[in-house]
Amino acid sequence: MAAALETAESGRAATFDDLARLYWDRAYRFAALVTRNDQESSDIAQEALLKVFRNADRFDPSKGPFESWLWQIVLNVARDAGRAASRRRSLLERLRRDQATRGEADAGLLAIQRIGDRELVAAVRRLPKRPRTLIALRFGAELSYSEIGNQLGLSRPAAVMATRRALDLLRAQIKEEADDDRSI
């Protein structure tokens, strides 16, 4: 077990419970902002922390701090889940188009099409991948702009600017949705 996963008070190797106690909330908040539902968020946070725990012996302090390594794993697990979710959404869209051309309606698909959640997390989840990731790293994982830059290969100023643009996009999206609701 890597020294980074030793508990400060006893010097003993940390358990998965120790790791979860330290990072679960932040990992889950991050995942909640980049996924489309709470179950997927929980799955991503759990899978990422399990990977960190199982691979703790691979952590190399000469390559950077433990938290940078941890967040890179969380980000990679989220990206993998995002690719899988994208494939599922693509299939769902093809099913919708197919049913529409045949004039058939499935109650489950109709319900999915009519979901109108106006909560902030739902709005973030509707953003494109990059802005969603930036907001999730900043506000879900509570990373600094420098840490965000390290994770995404950006300078600190570029991370600040990209995050501000992501927030501007989120604000515009929320305003547009509110305007659309008022015009109905």
N, C-alpha and C. Protein backbone atom coordinates (compact mmCIF):
# COMPACT_ATOMS: atom_id res chain seq x y z
N MET A 1 0.85 -1.18 0.00
CA MET A 1 0.00 0.00 0.00
C MET A 1 0.89 1.24 0.00
N ALA A 2 0.56 2.19 -0.82
CA ALA A 2 1.37 3.41 -0.93
C ALA A 2 1.30 4.23 0.35
N ALA A 3 2.37 4.94 0.61
CA ALA A 3 2.42 5.78 1.80
C ALA A 3 1.30 6.81 1.80
N ALA A 4 0.85 7.22 0.62
CA ALA A 4 -0.22 8.21 0.54
C ALA A 4 -1.52 7.67 1.12
N LEU A 5 -1.65 6.36 1.19
CA LEU A 5 -2.86 5.78 1.75
C LEU A 5 -2.65 5.26 3.16
N GLU A 6 -1.70 5.83 3.87
CA GLU A 6 -1.53 5.50 5.28
C GLU A 6 -2.25 6.56 6.09
N THR A 7 -2.89 6.14 7.15
CA THR A 7 -3.58 7.11 7.98
C THR A 7 -2.58 7.88 8.81
N ALA A 8 -2.79 9.15 8.94
CA ALA A 8 -1.85 10.03 9.64
C ALA A 8 -1.73 9.67 11.11
N GLU A 9 -2.86 9.29 11.71
CA GLU A 9 -2.80 9.09 13.15
C GLU A 9 -2.07 7.81 13.56
N SER A 10 -2.17 6.75 12.78
CA SER A 10 -1.58 5.48 13.22
C SER A 10 -0.42 4.99 12.36
N GLY A 11 -0.26 5.53 11.17
CA GLY A 11 0.78 5.06 10.28
C GLY A 11 0.43 3.73 9.63
N ARG A 12 -0.76 3.20 9.92
CA ARG A 12 -1.18 1.92 9.33
C ARG A 12 -1.71 2.16 7.92
N ALA A 13 -1.72 1.11 7.14
CA ALA A 13 -2.26 1.21 5.79
C ALA A 13 -3.74 1.54 5.88
N ALA A 14 -4.15 2.47 5.05
CA ALA A 14 -5.56 2.88 5.05
C ALA A 14 -6.42 1.78 4.46
N THR A 15 -7.64 1.71 4.93
CA THR A 15 -8.63 0.79 4.38
C THR A 15 -9.43 1.53 3.31
N PHE A 16 -10.24 0.79 2.59
CA PHE A 16 -11.11 1.44 1.62
C PHE A 16 -12.05 2.40 2.34
N ASP A 17 -12.50 2.04 3.53
CA ASP A 17 -13.38 2.92 4.30
C ASP A 17 -12.69 4.25 4.61
N ASP A 18 -11.38 4.20 4.91
CA ASP A 18 -10.63 5.44 5.16
C ASP A 18 -10.62 6.31 3.91
N LEU A 19 -10.35 5.69 2.78
CA LEU A 19 -10.32 6.43 1.52
C LEU A 19 -11.69 7.02 1.21
N ALA A 20 -12.73 6.22 1.39
CA ALA A 20 -14.09 6.70 1.12
C ALA A 20 -14.46 7.84 2.06
N ARG A 21 -14.08 7.74 3.31
CA ARG A 21 -14.39 8.80 4.27
C ARG A 21 -13.74 10.12 3.84
N LEU A 22 -12.54 10.03 3.30
CA LEU A 22 -11.82 11.24 2.89
C LEU A 22 -12.31 11.82 1.56
N TYR A 23 -12.69 10.96 0.62
CA TYR A 23 -12.92 11.44 -0.74
C TYR A 23 -14.31 11.16 -1.32
N TRP A 24 -15.15 10.38 -0.64
CA TRP A 24 -16.43 10.00 -1.24
C TRP A 24 -17.27 11.22 -1.62
N ASP A 25 -17.47 12.15 -0.69
CA ASP A 25 -18.35 13.28 -0.97
C ASP A 25 -17.91 14.07 -2.19
N ARG A 26 -16.63 14.37 -2.28
CA ARG A 26 -16.12 15.15 -3.42
C ARG A 26 -16.20 14.34 -4.71
N ALA A 27 -15.86 13.06 -4.65
CA ALA A 27 -15.93 12.22 -5.85
C ALA A 27 -17.37 12.09 -6.33
N TYR A 28 -18.28 11.93 -5.39
CA TYR A 28 -19.69 11.82 -5.76
C TYR A 28 -20.22 13.13 -6.35
N ARG A 29 -19.90 14.27 -5.72
CA ARG A 29 -20.35 15.56 -6.26
C ARG A 29 -19.81 15.77 -7.67
N PHE A 30 -18.55 15.44 -7.88
CA PHE A 30 -17.98 15.55 -9.21
C PHE A 30 -18.79 14.70 -10.19
N ALA A 31 -18.99 13.44 -9.83
CA ALA A 31 -19.71 12.52 -10.72
C ALA A 31 -21.15 12.98 -10.95
N ALA A 32 -21.78 13.53 -9.92
CA ALA A 32 -23.17 13.99 -10.06
C ALA A 32 -23.30 15.11 -11.09
N LEU A 33 -22.24 15.87 -11.27
CA LEU A 33 -22.29 16.97 -12.22
C LEU A 33 -21.91 16.56 -13.64
N VAL A 34 -21.34 15.39 -13.81
CA VAL A 34 -20.96 14.96 -15.16
C VAL A 34 -21.80 13.79 -15.66
N THR A 35 -22.71 13.29 -14.83
CA THR A 35 -23.55 12.19 -15.25
C THR A 35 -24.99 12.65 -15.36
N ARG A 36 -25.83 11.75 -15.77
CA ARG A 36 -27.23 12.10 -15.98
C ARG A 36 -28.16 11.62 -14.87
N ASN A 37 -27.66 10.81 -13.93
CA ASN A 37 -28.54 10.37 -12.84
C ASN A 37 -27.72 10.00 -11.61
N ASP A 38 -28.41 9.93 -10.48
CA ASP A 38 -27.74 9.70 -9.20
C ASP A 38 -27.10 8.31 -9.11
N GLN A 39 -27.75 7.30 -9.67
CA GLN A 39 -27.18 5.97 -9.60
C GLN A 39 -25.86 5.90 -10.36
N GLU A 40 -25.83 6.51 -11.52
CA GLU A 40 -24.59 6.54 -12.30
C GLU A 40 -23.50 7.31 -11.56
N SER A 41 -23.89 8.39 -10.88
CA SER A 41 -22.93 9.17 -10.09
C SER A 41 -22.32 8.32 -9.00
N SER A 42 -23.15 7.60 -8.31
CA SER A 42 -22.68 6.73 -7.22
C SER A 42 -21.76 5.64 -7.76
N ASP A 43 -22.14 5.06 -8.89
CA ASP A 43 -21.32 4.01 -9.50
C ASP A 43 -19.94 4.53 -9.88
N ILE A 44 -19.90 5.72 -10.47
CA ILE A 44 -18.62 6.30 -10.89
C ILE A 44 -17.74 6.59 -9.68
N ALA A 45 -18.31 7.21 -8.66
CA ALA A 45 -17.53 7.53 -7.47
C ALA A 45 -16.98 6.25 -6.83
N GLN A 46 -17.82 5.24 -6.72
CA GLN A 46 -17.38 3.99 -6.11
C GLN A 46 -16.31 3.31 -6.95
N GLU A 47 -16.54 3.21 -8.26
CA GLU A 47 -15.56 2.56 -9.12
C GLU A 47 -14.22 3.28 -9.08
N ALA A 48 -14.26 4.60 -9.11
CA ALA A 48 -13.02 5.38 -9.10
C ALA A 48 -12.25 5.16 -7.80
N LEU A 49 -12.94 5.22 -6.67
CA LEU A 49 -12.25 5.04 -5.40
C LEU A 49 -11.74 3.61 -5.24
N LEU A 50 -12.47 2.64 -5.77
CA LEU A 50 -11.96 1.27 -5.75
C LEU A 50 -10.69 1.14 -6.59
N LYS A 51 -10.66 1.79 -7.74
CA LYS A 51 -9.45 1.75 -8.58
C LYS A 51 -8.27 2.40 -7.86
N VAL A 52 -8.53 3.51 -7.19
CA VAL A 52 -7.47 4.17 -6.44
C VAL A 52 -6.95 3.23 -5.36
N PHE A 53 -7.85 2.62 -4.64
CA PHE A 53 -7.46 1.73 -3.54
C PHE A 53 -6.68 0.51 -4.05
N ARG A 54 -7.21 -0.11 -5.10
CA ARG A 54 -6.58 -1.33 -5.64
C ARG A 54 -5.22 -1.03 -6.28
N ASN A 55 -5.05 0.17 -6.79
CA ASN A 55 -3.82 0.51 -7.49
C ASN A 55 -2.91 1.44 -6.68
N ALA A 56 -3.14 1.52 -5.40
CA ALA A 56 -2.36 2.44 -4.55
C ALA A 56 -0.86 2.17 -4.65
N ASP A 57 -0.50 0.93 -4.87
CA ASP A 57 0.93 0.61 -4.97
C ASP A 57 1.56 1.17 -6.24
N ARG A 58 0.73 1.61 -7.19
CA ARG A 58 1.24 2.19 -8.44
C ARG A 58 1.44 3.70 -8.35
N PHE A 59 0.95 4.30 -7.27
CA PHE A 59 1.12 5.74 -7.10
C PHE A 59 2.60 6.06 -6.98
N ASP A 60 3.04 7.04 -7.79
CA ASP A 60 4.44 7.46 -7.78
C ASP A 60 4.52 8.93 -7.36
N PRO A 61 4.94 9.19 -6.11
CA PRO A 61 5.00 10.58 -5.63
C PRO A 61 5.91 11.48 -6.45
N SER A 62 6.85 10.90 -7.17
CA SER A 62 7.76 11.74 -7.97
C SER A 62 7.03 12.36 -9.18
N LYS A 63 5.85 11.82 -9.52
CA LYS A 63 5.09 12.34 -10.65
C LYS A 63 4.05 13.38 -10.24
N GLY A 64 3.93 13.62 -8.94
CA GLY A 64 2.97 14.61 -8.47
C GLY A 64 2.28 14.17 -7.21
N PRO A 65 1.44 15.03 -6.67
CA PRO A 65 0.77 14.72 -5.42
C PRO A 65 -0.30 13.63 -5.58
N PHE A 66 -0.59 12.99 -4.46
CA PHE A 66 -1.57 11.91 -4.44
C PHE A 66 -2.92 12.36 -4.98
N GLU A 67 -3.38 13.54 -4.56
CA GLU A 67 -4.70 13.99 -5.00
C GLU A 67 -4.78 14.20 -6.51
N SER A 68 -3.71 14.63 -7.13
CA SER A 68 -3.72 14.76 -8.60
C SER A 68 -3.89 13.40 -9.25
N TRP A 69 -3.20 12.42 -8.71
CA TRP A 69 -3.31 11.05 -9.22
C TRP A 69 -4.73 10.54 -9.01
N LEU A 70 -5.28 10.77 -7.83
CA LEU A 70 -6.64 10.32 -7.52
C LEU A 70 -7.64 10.96 -8.48
N TRP A 71 -7.55 12.28 -8.68
CA TRP A 71 -8.53 12.95 -9.53
C TRP A 71 -8.37 12.56 -10.99
N GLN A 72 -7.18 12.20 -11.40
CA GLN A 72 -7.02 11.72 -12.77
C GLN A 72 -7.78 10.40 -12.94
N ILE A 73 -7.73 9.55 -11.94
CA ILE A 73 -8.47 8.28 -11.99
C ILE A 73 -9.97 8.55 -12.00
N VAL A 74 -10.44 9.46 -11.14
CA VAL A 74 -11.86 9.79 -11.11
C VAL A 74 -12.30 10.32 -12.47
N LEU A 75 -11.51 11.21 -13.03
CA LEU A 75 -11.84 11.78 -14.34
C LEU A 75 -11.86 10.70 -15.42
N ASN A 76 -10.90 9.79 -15.41
CA ASN A 76 -10.87 8.71 -16.41
C ASN A 76 -12.07 7.79 -16.28
N VAL A 77 -12.45 7.44 -15.06
CA VAL A 77 -13.63 6.58 -14.86
C VAL A 77 -14.88 7.31 -15.37
N ALA A 78 -14.99 8.60 -15.09
CA ALA A 78 -16.14 9.38 -15.57
C ALA A 78 -16.15 9.43 -17.10
N ARG A 79 -14.98 9.62 -17.70
CA ARG A 79 -14.92 9.64 -19.18
C ARG A 79 -15.35 8.30 -19.76
N ASP A 80 -14.87 7.21 -19.17
CA ASP A 80 -15.26 5.88 -19.65
C ASP A 80 -16.77 5.69 -19.53
N ALA A 81 -17.33 6.10 -18.40
CA ALA A 81 -18.78 5.98 -18.20
C ALA A 81 -19.52 6.87 -19.19
N GLY A 82 -18.97 8.04 -19.46
CA GLY A 82 -19.59 8.95 -20.42
C GLY A 82 -19.64 8.36 -21.81
N ARG A 83 -18.56 7.70 -22.20
CA ARG A 83 -18.55 7.06 -23.53
C ARG A 83 -19.62 5.98 -23.59
N ALA A 84 -19.74 5.18 -22.54
CA ALA A 84 -20.75 4.13 -22.51
C ALA A 84 -22.16 4.73 -22.53
N ALA A 85 -22.36 5.80 -21.76
CA ALA A 85 -23.67 6.46 -21.73
C ALA A 85 -24.00 7.06 -23.09
N SER A 86 -23.00 7.59 -23.75
CA SER A 86 -23.21 8.17 -25.07
C SER A 86 -23.67 7.11 -26.06
N ARG A 87 -23.07 5.95 -25.97
CA ARG A 87 -23.50 4.84 -26.84
C ARG A 87 -24.94 4.45 -26.55
N ARG A 88 -25.32 4.43 -25.25
CA ARG A 88 -26.70 4.10 -24.88
C ARG A 88 -27.67 5.16 -25.38
N ARG A 89 -27.30 6.45 -25.23
CA ARG A 89 -28.18 7.53 -25.71
C ARG A 89 -28.36 7.46 -27.22
N SER A 90 -27.28 7.16 -27.91
CA SER A 90 -27.35 7.05 -29.36
C SER A 90 -28.34 5.94 -29.75
N LEU A 91 -28.28 4.83 -29.06
CA LEU A 91 -29.21 3.74 -29.32
C LEU A 91 -30.63 4.18 -29.03
N LEU A 92 -30.84 4.88 -27.92
CA LEU A 92 -32.17 5.36 -27.56
C LEU A 92 -32.70 6.32 -28.62
N GLU A 93 -31.85 7.21 -29.10
CA GLU A 93 -32.27 8.14 -30.15
C GLU A 93 -32.66 7.40 -31.43
N ARG A 94 -31.88 6.39 -31.78
CA ARG A 94 -32.23 5.59 -32.97
C ARG A 94 -33.58 4.90 -32.76
N LEU A 95 -33.82 4.41 -31.55
CA LEU A 95 -35.11 3.78 -31.26
C LEU A 95 -36.24 4.78 -31.38
N ARG A 96 -36.04 5.99 -30.87
CA ARG A 96 -37.07 7.03 -30.96
C ARG A 96 -37.39 7.36 -32.41
N ARG A 97 -36.33 7.55 -33.21
CA ARG A 97 -36.54 7.88 -34.63
C ARG A 97 -37.25 6.73 -35.34
N ASP A 98 -36.85 5.52 -35.04
CA ASP A 98 -37.46 4.35 -35.67
C ASP A 98 -38.94 4.27 -35.32
N GLN A 99 -39.28 4.49 -34.04
CA GLN A 99 -40.68 4.43 -33.64
C GLN A 99 -41.47 5.58 -34.25
N ALA A 100 -40.85 6.74 -34.34
CA ALA A 100 -41.54 7.89 -34.91
C ALA A 100 -41.86 7.65 -36.37
N THR A 101 -40.93 7.04 -37.11
CA THR A 101 -41.18 6.79 -38.53
C THR A 101 -42.24 5.71 -38.73
N ARG A 102 -42.39 4.82 -37.75
CA ARG A 102 -43.41 3.79 -37.85
C ARG A 102 -44.70 4.19 -37.17
N GLY A 103 -44.70 5.38 -36.51
CA GLY A 103 -45.91 5.86 -35.86
C GLY A 103 -46.22 5.16 -34.55
N GLU A 104 -45.25 4.46 -33.97
CA GLU A 104 -45.47 3.75 -32.72
C GLU A 104 -45.02 4.62 -31.56
N ALA A 105 -45.63 4.42 -30.40
CA ALA A 105 -45.22 5.17 -29.22
C ALA A 105 -45.10 4.22 -28.04
N ASP A 106 -43.98 4.26 -27.40
CA ASP A 106 -43.72 3.49 -26.19
C ASP A 106 -43.86 4.44 -25.01
N ALA A 107 -44.68 4.09 -24.03
CA ALA A 107 -44.92 4.99 -22.89
C ALA A 107 -43.63 5.37 -22.19
N GLY A 108 -42.69 4.45 -22.05
CA GLY A 108 -41.42 4.74 -21.41
C GLY A 108 -40.62 5.77 -22.18
N LEU A 109 -40.57 5.63 -23.49
CA LEU A 109 -39.83 6.60 -24.29
C LEU A 109 -40.51 7.96 -24.28
N LEU A 110 -41.83 7.98 -24.30
CA LEU A 110 -42.54 9.26 -24.24
C LEU A 110 -42.27 9.96 -22.92
N ALA A 111 -42.21 9.21 -21.83
CA ALA A 111 -41.93 9.82 -20.52
C ALA A 111 -40.53 10.40 -20.50
N ILE A 112 -39.56 9.70 -21.06
CA ILE A 112 -38.19 10.20 -21.10
C ILE A 112 -38.13 11.51 -21.88
N GLN A 113 -38.86 11.59 -22.97
CA GLN A 113 -38.85 12.79 -23.79
C GLN A 113 -39.48 13.99 -23.08
N ARG A 114 -40.35 13.76 -22.12
CA ARG A 114 -41.07 14.85 -21.46
C ARG A 114 -40.48 15.26 -20.12
N ILE A 115 -39.40 14.65 -19.70
CA ILE A 115 -38.79 15.01 -18.42
C ILE A 115 -38.31 16.46 -18.51
N GLY A 116 -38.67 17.30 -17.55
CA GLY A 116 -38.27 18.71 -17.56
C GLY A 116 -37.73 19.14 -16.20
N ASP A 117 -36.63 18.61 -15.78
CA ASP A 117 -36.04 18.93 -14.49
C ASP A 117 -35.28 20.24 -14.57
N ARG A 118 -35.66 21.25 -13.74
CA ARG A 118 -35.03 22.57 -13.80
C ARG A 118 -34.00 22.79 -12.70
N GLU A 119 -33.66 21.75 -12.00
CA GLU A 119 -32.66 21.91 -10.94
C GLU A 119 -31.28 22.14 -11.55
N LEU A 120 -30.44 22.73 -10.77
CA LEU A 120 -29.11 23.09 -11.25
C LEU A 120 -28.32 21.88 -11.73
N VAL A 121 -28.33 20.80 -10.99
CA VAL A 121 -27.56 19.62 -11.39
C VAL A 121 -28.06 19.10 -12.73
N ALA A 122 -29.35 19.12 -12.94
CA ALA A 122 -29.90 18.67 -14.21
C ALA A 122 -29.45 19.59 -15.34
N ALA A 123 -29.39 20.89 -15.06
CA ALA A 123 -28.93 21.83 -16.08
C ALA A 123 -27.47 21.57 -16.43
N VAL A 124 -26.65 21.31 -15.42
CA VAL A 124 -25.24 21.01 -15.67
C VAL A 124 -25.13 19.75 -16.51
N ARG A 125 -25.93 18.78 -16.19
CA ARG A 125 -25.87 17.50 -16.91
C ARG A 125 -26.24 17.65 -18.38
N ARG A 126 -26.96 18.71 -18.72
CA ARG A 126 -27.34 18.92 -20.13
C ARG A 126 -26.27 19.67 -20.92
N LEU A 127 -25.28 20.15 -20.25
CA LEU A 127 -24.20 20.86 -20.95
C LEU A 127 -23.37 19.88 -21.78
N PRO A 128 -22.68 20.39 -22.79
CA PRO A 128 -21.72 19.54 -23.51
C PRO A 128 -20.63 19.03 -22.55
N LYS A 129 -19.95 18.00 -22.96
CA LYS A 129 -19.00 17.30 -22.09
C LYS A 129 -17.95 18.22 -21.47
N ARG A 130 -17.29 19.03 -22.26
CA ARG A 130 -16.18 19.85 -21.72
C ARG A 130 -16.65 20.84 -20.66
N PRO A 131 -17.69 21.66 -20.94
CA PRO A 131 -18.15 22.57 -19.88
C PRO A 131 -18.64 21.82 -18.64
N ARG A 132 -19.31 20.70 -18.85
CA ARG A 132 -19.79 19.88 -17.73
C ARG A 132 -18.62 19.40 -16.89
N THR A 133 -17.55 18.96 -17.54
CA THR A 133 -16.36 18.48 -16.83
C THR A 133 -15.70 19.61 -16.05
N LEU A 134 -15.57 20.78 -16.67
CA LEU A 134 -14.96 21.93 -15.99
C LEU A 134 -15.74 22.31 -14.74
N ILE A 135 -17.05 22.40 -14.85
CA ILE A 135 -17.88 22.76 -13.70
C ILE A 135 -17.81 21.67 -12.64
N ALA A 136 -17.79 20.42 -13.06
CA ALA A 136 -17.72 19.32 -12.10
C ALA A 136 -16.39 19.31 -11.36
N LEU A 137 -15.29 19.57 -12.06
CA LEU A 137 -13.99 19.61 -11.39
C LEU A 137 -13.92 20.77 -10.41
N ARG A 138 -14.46 21.92 -10.79
CA ARG A 138 -14.37 23.11 -9.93
C ARG A 138 -15.31 23.02 -8.73
N PHE A 139 -16.57 22.66 -8.99
CA PHE A 139 -17.57 22.73 -7.93
C PHE A 139 -17.94 21.38 -7.34
N GLY A 140 -17.77 20.31 -8.10
CA GLY A 140 -18.03 18.98 -7.56
C GLY A 140 -16.83 18.43 -6.82
N ALA A 141 -15.68 18.45 -7.47
CA ALA A 141 -14.45 17.94 -6.87
C ALA A 141 -13.72 19.00 -6.06
N GLU A 142 -14.15 20.26 -6.18
CA GLU A 142 -13.56 21.38 -5.46
C GLU A 142 -12.07 21.55 -5.75
N LEU A 143 -11.70 21.35 -7.01
CA LEU A 143 -10.30 21.53 -7.39
C LEU A 143 -10.03 23.01 -7.66
N SER A 144 -8.80 23.41 -7.43
CA SER A 144 -8.38 24.78 -7.75
C SER A 144 -8.23 24.89 -9.27
N TYR A 145 -8.10 26.11 -9.75
CA TYR A 145 -7.90 26.29 -11.19
C TYR A 145 -6.58 25.65 -11.64
N SER A 146 -5.56 25.71 -10.80
CA SER A 146 -4.29 25.07 -11.14
C SER A 146 -4.47 23.56 -11.27
N GLU A 147 -5.22 22.97 -10.33
CA GLU A 147 -5.46 21.53 -10.38
C GLU A 147 -6.30 21.15 -11.60
N ILE A 148 -7.27 21.98 -11.92
CA ILE A 148 -8.08 21.73 -13.11
C ILE A 148 -7.17 21.78 -14.35
N GLY A 149 -6.32 22.78 -14.40
CA GLY A 149 -5.39 22.89 -15.51
C GLY A 149 -4.51 21.67 -15.63
N ASN A 150 -4.01 21.17 -14.50
CA ASN A 150 -3.17 19.96 -14.53
C ASN A 150 -3.94 18.77 -15.06
N GLN A 151 -5.19 18.64 -14.67
CA GLN A 151 -6.00 17.50 -15.10
C GLN A 151 -6.33 17.55 -16.59
N LEU A 152 -6.50 18.75 -17.11
CA LEU A 152 -6.94 18.89 -18.50
C LEU A 152 -5.86 19.39 -19.45
N GLY A 153 -4.64 19.54 -18.94
CA GLY A 153 -3.55 19.99 -19.79
C GLY A 153 -3.66 21.46 -20.17
N LEU A 154 -4.13 22.28 -19.24
CA LEU A 154 -4.29 23.71 -19.47
C LEU A 154 -3.43 24.49 -18.49
N SER A 155 -3.08 25.70 -18.85
CA SER A 155 -2.45 26.59 -17.89
C SER A 155 -3.53 27.04 -16.90
N ARG A 156 -3.11 27.59 -15.78
CA ARG A 156 -4.08 28.08 -14.79
C ARG A 156 -4.99 29.14 -15.40
N PRO A 157 -4.42 30.17 -16.10
CA PRO A 157 -5.31 31.18 -16.70
C PRO A 157 -6.29 30.58 -17.72
N ALA A 158 -5.83 29.60 -18.47
CA ALA A 158 -6.73 28.96 -19.45
C ALA A 158 -7.84 28.18 -18.73
N ALA A 159 -7.50 27.56 -17.60
CA ALA A 159 -8.51 26.84 -16.82
C ALA A 159 -9.54 27.81 -16.24
N VAL A 160 -9.06 28.97 -15.77
CA VAL A 160 -9.98 30.00 -15.25
C VAL A 160 -10.92 30.44 -16.37
N MET A 161 -10.36 30.76 -17.52
CA MET A 161 -11.17 31.25 -18.63
C MET A 161 -12.16 30.18 -19.11
N ALA A 162 -11.70 28.95 -19.24
CA ALA A 162 -12.57 27.87 -19.70
C ALA A 162 -13.71 27.62 -18.71
N THR A 163 -13.40 27.70 -17.42
CA THR A 163 -14.44 27.49 -16.40
C THR A 163 -15.44 28.64 -16.43
N ARG A 164 -14.96 29.87 -16.60
CA ARG A 164 -15.88 31.01 -16.71
C ARG A 164 -16.79 30.87 -17.92
N ARG A 165 -16.22 30.43 -19.03
CA ARG A 165 -17.05 30.22 -20.23
C ARG A 165 -18.08 29.13 -19.99
N ALA A 166 -17.68 28.07 -19.28
CA ALA A 166 -18.63 26.99 -18.97
C ALA A 166 -19.77 27.52 -18.10
N LEU A 167 -19.44 28.36 -17.12
CA LEU A 167 -20.47 28.95 -16.27
C LEU A 167 -21.37 29.89 -17.06
N ASP A 168 -20.79 30.66 -17.98
CA ASP A 168 -21.59 31.54 -18.83
C ASP A 168 -22.56 30.71 -19.69
N LEU A 169 -22.07 29.60 -20.21
CA LEU A 169 -22.92 28.72 -21.00
C LEU A 169 -24.06 28.15 -20.15
N LEU A 170 -23.74 27.77 -18.92
CA LEU A 170 -24.76 27.25 -18.01
C LEU A 170 -25.82 28.33 -17.73
N ARG A 171 -25.36 29.55 -17.42
CA ARG A 171 -26.31 30.65 -17.17
C ARG A 171 -27.21 30.89 -18.38
N ALA A 172 -26.61 30.92 -19.56
CA ALA A 172 -27.39 31.17 -20.78
C ALA A 172 -28.40 30.04 -21.00
N GLN A 173 -27.99 28.82 -20.75
CA GLN A 173 -28.89 27.68 -20.92
C GLN A 173 -30.07 27.78 -19.96
N ILE A 174 -29.79 28.10 -18.70
CA ILE A 174 -30.86 28.21 -17.71
C ILE A 174 -31.81 29.35 -18.08
N LYS A 175 -31.25 30.49 -18.51
CA LYS A 175 -32.08 31.62 -18.91
C LYS A 175 -32.94 31.26 -20.12
N GLU A 176 -32.35 30.61 -21.10
CA GLU A 176 -33.10 30.22 -22.29
C GLU A 176 -34.24 29.28 -21.93
N GLU A 177 -33.97 28.31 -21.06
CA GLU A 177 -35.01 27.37 -20.65
C GLU A 177 -36.11 28.09 -19.88
N ALA A 178 -35.75 29.06 -19.04
CA ALA A 178 -36.75 29.83 -18.29
C ALA A 178 -37.59 30.66 -19.25
N ASP A 179 -36.93 31.28 -20.24
CA ASP A 179 -37.66 32.07 -21.24
C ASP A 179 -38.61 31.19 -22.04
N ASP A 180 -38.15 30.01 -22.41
CA ASP A 180 -38.99 29.07 -23.14
C ASP A 180 -40.21 28.68 -22.32
N ASP A 181 -40.02 28.47 -21.02
CA ASP A 181 -41.14 28.09 -20.16
C ASP A 181 -42.15 29.22 -20.05
N ARG A 182 -41.69 30.47 -20.01
CA ARG A 182 -42.59 31.61 -19.91
C ARG A 182 -43.37 31.83 -21.20
N SER A 183 -42.80 31.45 -22.33
CA SER A 183 -43.48 31.69 -23.60
C SER A 183 -44.54 30.64 -23.91
N ILE A 184 -44.58 29.62 -23.10
CA ILE A 184 -45.56 28.54 -23.34
C ILE A 184 -46.91 28.91 -22.78
